[in-house]
Amino acid sequence: MPSPHDDIADLREQIRYLRDHAELRELFDRYVTALDTGGPPGPDRERFAGLFTEDVTFAFPIGVCTGVEAFAAFQREARERWARTHHLAAGHSVVLDGDRATLRAQQLTTHVHHAPGEAPAHFEVGGYSEARAVRTPAGWRLHHIAFHVVWDSGVRLPELAGVRL
């Protein structure tokens, strides 16, 4: 029969497991939200500092970049391509391995084209992200994110016409 001390240790372990899962899901959701909430042109370091490690890598069908500054520039350029974007993530899967974790989330993104004076056209992408995160002294941070396209529909921008999505 387990002792009360053992029961308390088990409960602490279960609570840490549940807390880590919740924190990692919330971290990924903050990342997806940040994709749609760009501020004025300029450094996005403050907005991204709580999400990523300094040496984070990103792998998207339209490019790869490393580091928070490179990602901020990548996002500023992406935001200029469209009038608006809307990213949704669901079905988060988290696998913990000590102070490291892998995540997978289904994603649906709508890109609204600039279309002054007419009904805006959309470009939609469905796929999933695979990410790795590490526990830092400041909490969980994303260290690698790769987005994989499963399907797309709508009107592609001319510069994306040759990109294999």
C-alpha atoms as a PDB file:
ATOM      1  CA  MET A   1       0.000   0.000   0.000  1.00  0.00           C
ATOM      2  CA  PRO A   2       1.476   3.355  -1.006  1.00  0.00           C
ATOM      3  CA  SER A   3       2.268   5.769   1.761  1.00  0.00           C
ATOM      4  CA  PRO A   4       0.720   9.239   1.898  1.00  0.00           C
ATOM      5  CA  HIS A   5       4.181  10.536   1.023  1.00  0.00           C
ATOM      6  CA  ASP A   6       4.183   8.427  -2.181  1.00  0.00           C
ATOM      7  CA  ASP A   7       0.660   9.617  -3.029  1.00  0.00           C
ATOM      8  CA  ILE A   8       1.715  13.252  -2.663  1.00  0.00           C
ATOM      9  CA  ALA A   9       4.783  12.676  -4.851  1.00  0.00           C
ATOM     10  CA  ASP A  10       2.570  11.022  -7.503  1.00  0.00           C
ATOM     11  CA  LEU A  11       0.121  13.939  -7.380  1.00  0.00           C
ATOM     12  CA  ARG A  12       2.965  16.436  -7.784  1.00  0.00           C
ATOM     13  CA  GLU A  13       4.219  14.519 -10.810  1.00  0.00           C
ATOM     14  CA  GLN A  14       0.730  14.435 -12.336  1.00  0.00           C
ATOM     15  CA  ILE A  15       0.229  18.154 -11.717  1.00  0.00           C
ATOM     16  CA  ARG A  16       3.573  18.985 -13.352  1.00  0.00           C
ATOM     17  CA  TYR A  17       2.643  16.807 -16.351  1.00  0.00           C
ATOM     18  CA  LEU A  18      -0.739  18.551 -16.736  1.00  0.00           C
ATOM     19  CA  ARG A  19       0.801  22.006 -16.194  1.00  0.00           C
ATOM     20  CA  ASP A  20       3.502  21.348 -18.815  1.00  0.00           C
ATOM     21  CA  HIS A  21       0.900  20.192 -21.345  1.00  0.00           C
ATOM     22  CA  ALA A  22      -1.267  23.262 -20.702  1.00  0.00           C
ATOM     23  CA  GLU A  23       1.711  25.630 -20.908  1.00  0.00           C
ATOM     24  CA  LEU A  24       2.912  24.093 -24.172  1.00  0.00           C
ATOM     25  CA  ARG A  25      -0.517  24.270 -25.808  1.00  0.00           C
ATOM     26  CA  GLU A  26      -0.883  27.869 -24.673  1.00  0.00           C
ATOM     27  CA  LEU A  27       2.642  28.686 -25.958  1.00  0.00           C
ATOM     28  CA  PHE A  28       1.771  27.331 -29.403  1.00  0.00           C
ATOM     29  CA  ASP A  29      -1.522  29.229 -29.430  1.00  0.00           C
ATOM     30  CA  ARG A  30       0.343  32.469 -28.562  1.00  0.00           C
ATOM     31  CA  TYR A  31       2.666  31.788 -31.510  1.00  0.00           C
ATOM     32  CA  VAL A  32      -0.289  31.288 -33.897  1.00  0.00           C
ATOM     33  CA  THR A  33      -1.944  34.454 -32.559  1.00  0.00           C
ATOM     34  CA  ALA A  34       1.296  36.392 -33.079  1.00  0.00           C
ATOM     35  CA  LEU A  35       1.167  35.479 -36.776  1.00  0.00           C
ATOM     36  CA  ASP A  36      -1.982  37.616 -37.141  1.00  0.00           C
ATOM     37  CA  THR A  37      -1.239  40.446 -34.733  1.00  0.00           C
ATOM     38  CA  GLY A  38       1.546  42.445 -36.302  1.00  0.00           C
ATOM     39  CA  GLY A  39       2.249  45.906 -35.066  1.00  0.00           C
ATOM     40  CA  PRO A  40       3.734  48.809 -36.983  1.00  0.00           C
ATOM     41  CA  PRO A  41       6.936  48.205 -38.926  1.00  0.00           C
ATOM     42  CA  GLY A  42       9.888  47.821 -36.607  1.00  0.00           C
ATOM     43  CA  PRO A  43      11.338  45.304 -34.181  1.00  0.00           C
ATOM     44  CA  ASP A  44       9.021  42.586 -32.949  1.00  0.00           C
ATOM     45  CA  ARG A  45      11.517  41.350 -30.335  1.00  0.00           C
ATOM     46  CA  GLU A  46       9.205  42.180 -27.423  1.00  0.00           C
ATOM     47  CA  ARG A  47       6.266  40.325 -28.942  1.00  0.00           C
ATOM     48  CA  PHE A  48       8.306  37.241 -29.814  1.00  0.00           C
ATOM     49  CA  ALA A  49      10.713  37.182 -26.851  1.00  0.00           C
ATOM     50  CA  GLY A  50       8.426  35.069 -24.677  1.00  0.00           C
ATOM     51  CA  LEU A  51       7.782  32.524 -27.428  1.00  0.00           C
ATOM     52  CA  PHE A  52      11.119  31.410 -28.851  1.00  0.00           C
ATOM     53  CA  THR A  53      14.680  30.549 -28.011  1.00  0.00           C
ATOM     54  CA  GLU A  54      17.190  32.960 -29.562  1.00  0.00           C
ATOM     55  CA  ASP A  55      18.320  30.306 -32.059  1.00  0.00           C
ATOM     56  CA  VAL A  56      14.835  29.145 -33.063  1.00  0.00           C
ATOM     57  CA  THR A  57      14.492  27.749 -36.573  1.00  0.00           C
ATOM     58  CA  PHE A  58      11.454  27.980 -38.837  1.00  0.00           C
ATOM     59  CA  ALA A  59      10.797  25.844 -41.891  1.00  0.00           C
ATOM     60  CA  PHE A  60       7.932  26.969 -44.117  1.00  0.00           C
ATOM     61  CA  PRO A  61       7.210  26.010 -47.730  1.00  0.00           C
ATOM     62  CA  ILE A  62       8.161  29.573 -48.762  1.00  0.00           C
ATOM     63  CA  GLY A  63      11.411  29.738 -46.793  1.00  0.00           C
ATOM     64  CA  VAL A  64      13.565  28.841 -43.826  1.00  0.00           C
ATOM     65  CA  CYS A  65      14.915  31.254 -41.242  1.00  0.00           C
ATOM     66  CA  THR A  66      16.823  31.086 -37.972  1.00  0.00           C
ATOM     67  CA  GLY A  67      16.565  33.429 -35.004  1.00  0.00           C
ATOM     68  CA  VAL A  68      13.979  35.793 -33.575  1.00  0.00           C
ATOM     69  CA  GLU A  69      15.132  38.785 -35.643  1.00  0.00           C
ATOM     70  CA  ALA A  70      15.001  36.807 -38.899  1.00  0.00           C
ATOM     71  CA  PHE A  71      11.520  35.529 -38.036  1.00  0.00           C
ATOM     72  CA  ALA A  72      10.326  39.059 -37.225  1.00  0.00           C
ATOM     73  CA  ALA A  73      11.558  40.248 -40.634  1.00  0.00           C
ATOM     74  CA  PHE A  74       9.982  37.206 -42.309  1.00  0.00           C
ATOM     75  CA  GLN A  75       6.641  38.004 -40.667  1.00  0.00           C
ATOM     76  CA  ARG A  76       6.766  41.713 -41.561  1.00  0.00           C
ATOM     77  CA  GLU A  77       7.316  40.736 -45.207  1.00  0.00           C
ATOM     78  CA  ALA A  78       4.481  38.179 -45.068  1.00  0.00           C
ATOM     79  CA  ARG A  79       2.068  40.699 -43.500  1.00  0.00           C
ATOM     80  CA  GLU A  80       2.714  43.114 -46.375  1.00  0.00           C
ATOM     81  CA  ARG A  81       1.606  40.490 -48.918  1.00  0.00           C
ATOM     82  CA  TRP A  82      -1.955  40.292 -47.615  1.00  0.00           C
ATOM     83  CA  ALA A  83      -4.568  42.644 -46.245  1.00  0.00           C
ATOM     84  CA  ARG A  84      -5.274  40.224 -43.374  1.00  0.00           C
ATOM     85  CA  THR A  85      -4.550  36.705 -42.240  1.00  0.00           C
ATOM     86  CA  HIS A  86      -6.322  34.416 -39.833  1.00  0.00           C
ATOM     87  CA  HIS A  87      -4.529  31.381 -38.389  1.00  0.00           C
ATOM     88  CA  LEU A  88      -6.339  28.677 -36.429  1.00  0.00           C
ATOM     89  CA  ALA A  89      -4.715  25.762 -34.606  1.00  0.00           C
ATOM     90  CA  ALA A  90      -6.409  22.748 -33.064  1.00  0.00           C
ATOM     91  CA  GLY A  91      -5.812  19.149 -32.141  1.00  0.00           C
ATOM     92  CA  HIS A  92      -2.627  19.862 -30.234  1.00  0.00           C
ATOM     93  CA  SER A  93      -0.541  16.806 -29.450  1.00  0.00           C
ATOM     94  CA  VAL A  94       2.235  17.117 -26.855  1.00  0.00           C
ATOM     95  CA  VAL A  95       4.933  14.566 -26.040  1.00  0.00           C
ATOM     96  CA  LEU A  96       7.130  15.384 -23.065  1.00  0.00           C
ATOM     97  CA  ASP A  97      10.693  14.205 -22.576  1.00  0.00           C
ATOM     98  CA  GLY A  98      11.999  15.877 -19.428  1.00  0.00           C
ATOM     99  CA  ASP A  99      12.817  19.491 -20.287  1.00  0.00           C
ATOM    100  CA  ARG A 100      12.108  18.941 -23.988  1.00  0.00           C
ATOM    101  CA  ALA A 101       8.832  18.480 -25.808  1.00  0.00           C
ATOM    102  CA  THR A 102       7.497  17.862 -29.281  1.00  0.00           C
ATOM    103  CA  LEU A 103       4.195  19.311 -30.419  1.00  0.00           C
ATOM    104  CA  ARG A 104       1.959  18.827 -33.404  1.00  0.00           C
ATOM    105  CA  ALA A 105      -1.067  20.955 -34.220  1.00  0.00           C
ATOM    106  CA  GLN A 106      -3.457  21.053 -37.146  1.00  0.00           C
ATOM    107  CA  GLN A 107      -3.630  24.478 -38.781  1.00  0.00           C
ATOM    108  CA  LEU A 108      -5.956  26.327 -41.107  1.00  0.00           C
ATOM    109  CA  THR A 109      -4.915  29.716 -42.444  1.00  0.00           C
ATOM    110  CA  THR A 110      -6.902  32.199 -44.484  1.00  0.00           C
ATOM    111  CA  HIS A 111      -5.026  34.926 -46.367  1.00  0.00           C
ATOM    112  CA  VAL A 112      -7.122  37.870 -47.575  1.00  0.00           C
ATOM    113  CA  HIS A 113      -5.667  39.598 -50.642  1.00  0.00           C
ATOM    114  CA  HIS A 114      -5.420  43.343 -51.039  1.00  0.00           C
ATOM    115  CA  ALA A 115      -8.324  44.174 -53.348  1.00  0.00           C
ATOM    116  CA  PRO A 116      -9.281  47.850 -53.239  1.00  0.00           C
ATOM    117  CA  GLY A 117     -12.761  48.515 -54.522  1.00  0.00           C
ATOM    118  CA  GLU A 118     -13.770  44.894 -55.021  1.00  0.00           C
ATOM    119  CA  ALA A 119     -14.606  41.842 -52.968  1.00  0.00           C
ATOM    120  CA  PRO A 120     -11.331  40.490 -51.552  1.00  0.00           C
ATOM    121  CA  ALA A 121     -10.076  37.148 -52.806  1.00  0.00           C
ATOM    122  CA  HIS A 122      -8.866  34.497 -50.377  1.00  0.00           C
ATOM    123  CA  PHE A 123      -6.026  32.024 -50.362  1.00  0.00           C
ATOM    124  CA  GLU A 124      -6.459  29.224 -47.827  1.00  0.00           C
ATOM    125  CA  VAL A 125      -3.965  26.668 -46.594  1.00  0.00           C
ATOM    126  CA  GLY A 126      -4.606  23.585 -44.460  1.00  0.00           C
ATOM    127  CA  GLY A 127      -1.823  21.629 -42.847  1.00  0.00           C
ATOM    128  CA  TYR A 128      -0.009  20.939 -39.633  1.00  0.00           C
ATOM    129  CA  SER A 129       2.914  22.240 -37.643  1.00  0.00           C
ATOM    130  CA  GLU A 130       5.503  20.130 -35.920  1.00  0.00           C
ATOM    131  CA  ALA A 131       7.439  21.926 -33.221  1.00  0.00           C
ATOM    132  CA  ARG A 132      10.074  21.292 -30.602  1.00  0.00           C
ATOM    133  CA  ALA A 133      10.189  23.198 -27.349  1.00  0.00           C
ATOM    134  CA  VAL A 134      12.639  23.425 -24.467  1.00  0.00           C
ATOM    135  CA  ARG A 135      12.141  24.382 -20.855  1.00  0.00           C
ATOM    136  CA  THR A 136      14.220  27.456 -20.023  1.00  0.00           C
ATOM    137  CA  PRO A 137      14.620  29.330 -16.722  1.00  0.00           C
ATOM    138  CA  ALA A 138      11.926  31.691 -18.068  1.00  0.00           C
ATOM    139  CA  GLY A 139       9.542  28.848 -19.009  1.00  0.00           C
ATOM    140  CA  TRP A 140       8.834  26.822 -22.140  1.00  0.00           C
ATOM    141  CA  ARG A 141      10.086  28.267 -25.444  1.00  0.00           C
ATOM    142  CA  LEU A 142       9.696  27.032 -29.016  1.00  0.00           C
ATOM    143  CA  HIS A 143      13.032  25.984 -30.530  1.00  0.00           C
ATOM    144  CA  HIS A 144      11.963  24.661 -33.955  1.00  0.00           C
ATOM    145  CA  ILE A 145       8.762  24.975 -35.987  1.00  0.00           C
ATOM    146  CA  ALA A 146       8.028  23.317 -39.328  1.00  0.00           C
ATOM    147  CA  PHE A 147       4.774  23.867 -41.187  1.00  0.00           C
ATOM    148  CA  HIS A 148       3.606  21.186 -43.621  1.00  0.00           C
ATOM    149  CA  VAL A 149       0.944  21.950 -46.223  1.00  0.00           C
ATOM    150  CA  VAL A 150      -1.698  19.284 -46.838  1.00  0.00           C
ATOM    151  CA  TRP A 151      -3.885  21.337 -49.200  1.00  0.00           C
ATOM    152  CA  ASP A 152      -4.438  24.850 -50.500  1.00  0.00           C
ATOM    153  CA  SER A 153      -7.203  26.586 -52.413  1.00  0.00           C
ATOM    154  CA  GLY A 154      -8.059  29.977 -53.755  1.00  0.00           C
ATOM    155  CA  VAL A 155      -5.997  32.606 -55.496  1.00  0.00           C
ATOM    156  CA  ARG A 156      -2.238  32.375 -54.997  1.00  0.00           C
ATOM    157  CA  LEU A 157      -0.105  35.484 -55.193  1.00  0.00           C
ATOM    158  CA  PRO A 158       1.983  35.571 -58.383  1.00  0.00           C
ATOM    159  CA  GLU A 159       5.222  35.196 -56.369  1.00  0.00           C
ATOM    160  CA  LEU A 160       3.861  31.946 -54.894  1.00  0.00           C
ATOM    161  CA  ALA A 161       2.830  30.459 -58.222  1.00  0.00           C
ATOM    162  CA  GLY A 162       5.888  28.217 -58.485  1.00  0.00           C
ATOM    163  CA  VAL A 163       6.123  27.310 -54.811  1.00  0.00           C
ATOM    164  CA  ARG A 164       5.363  23.682 -54.141  1.00  0.00           C
ATOM    165  CA  LEU A 165       2.972  23.768 -51.204  1.00  0.00           C
END
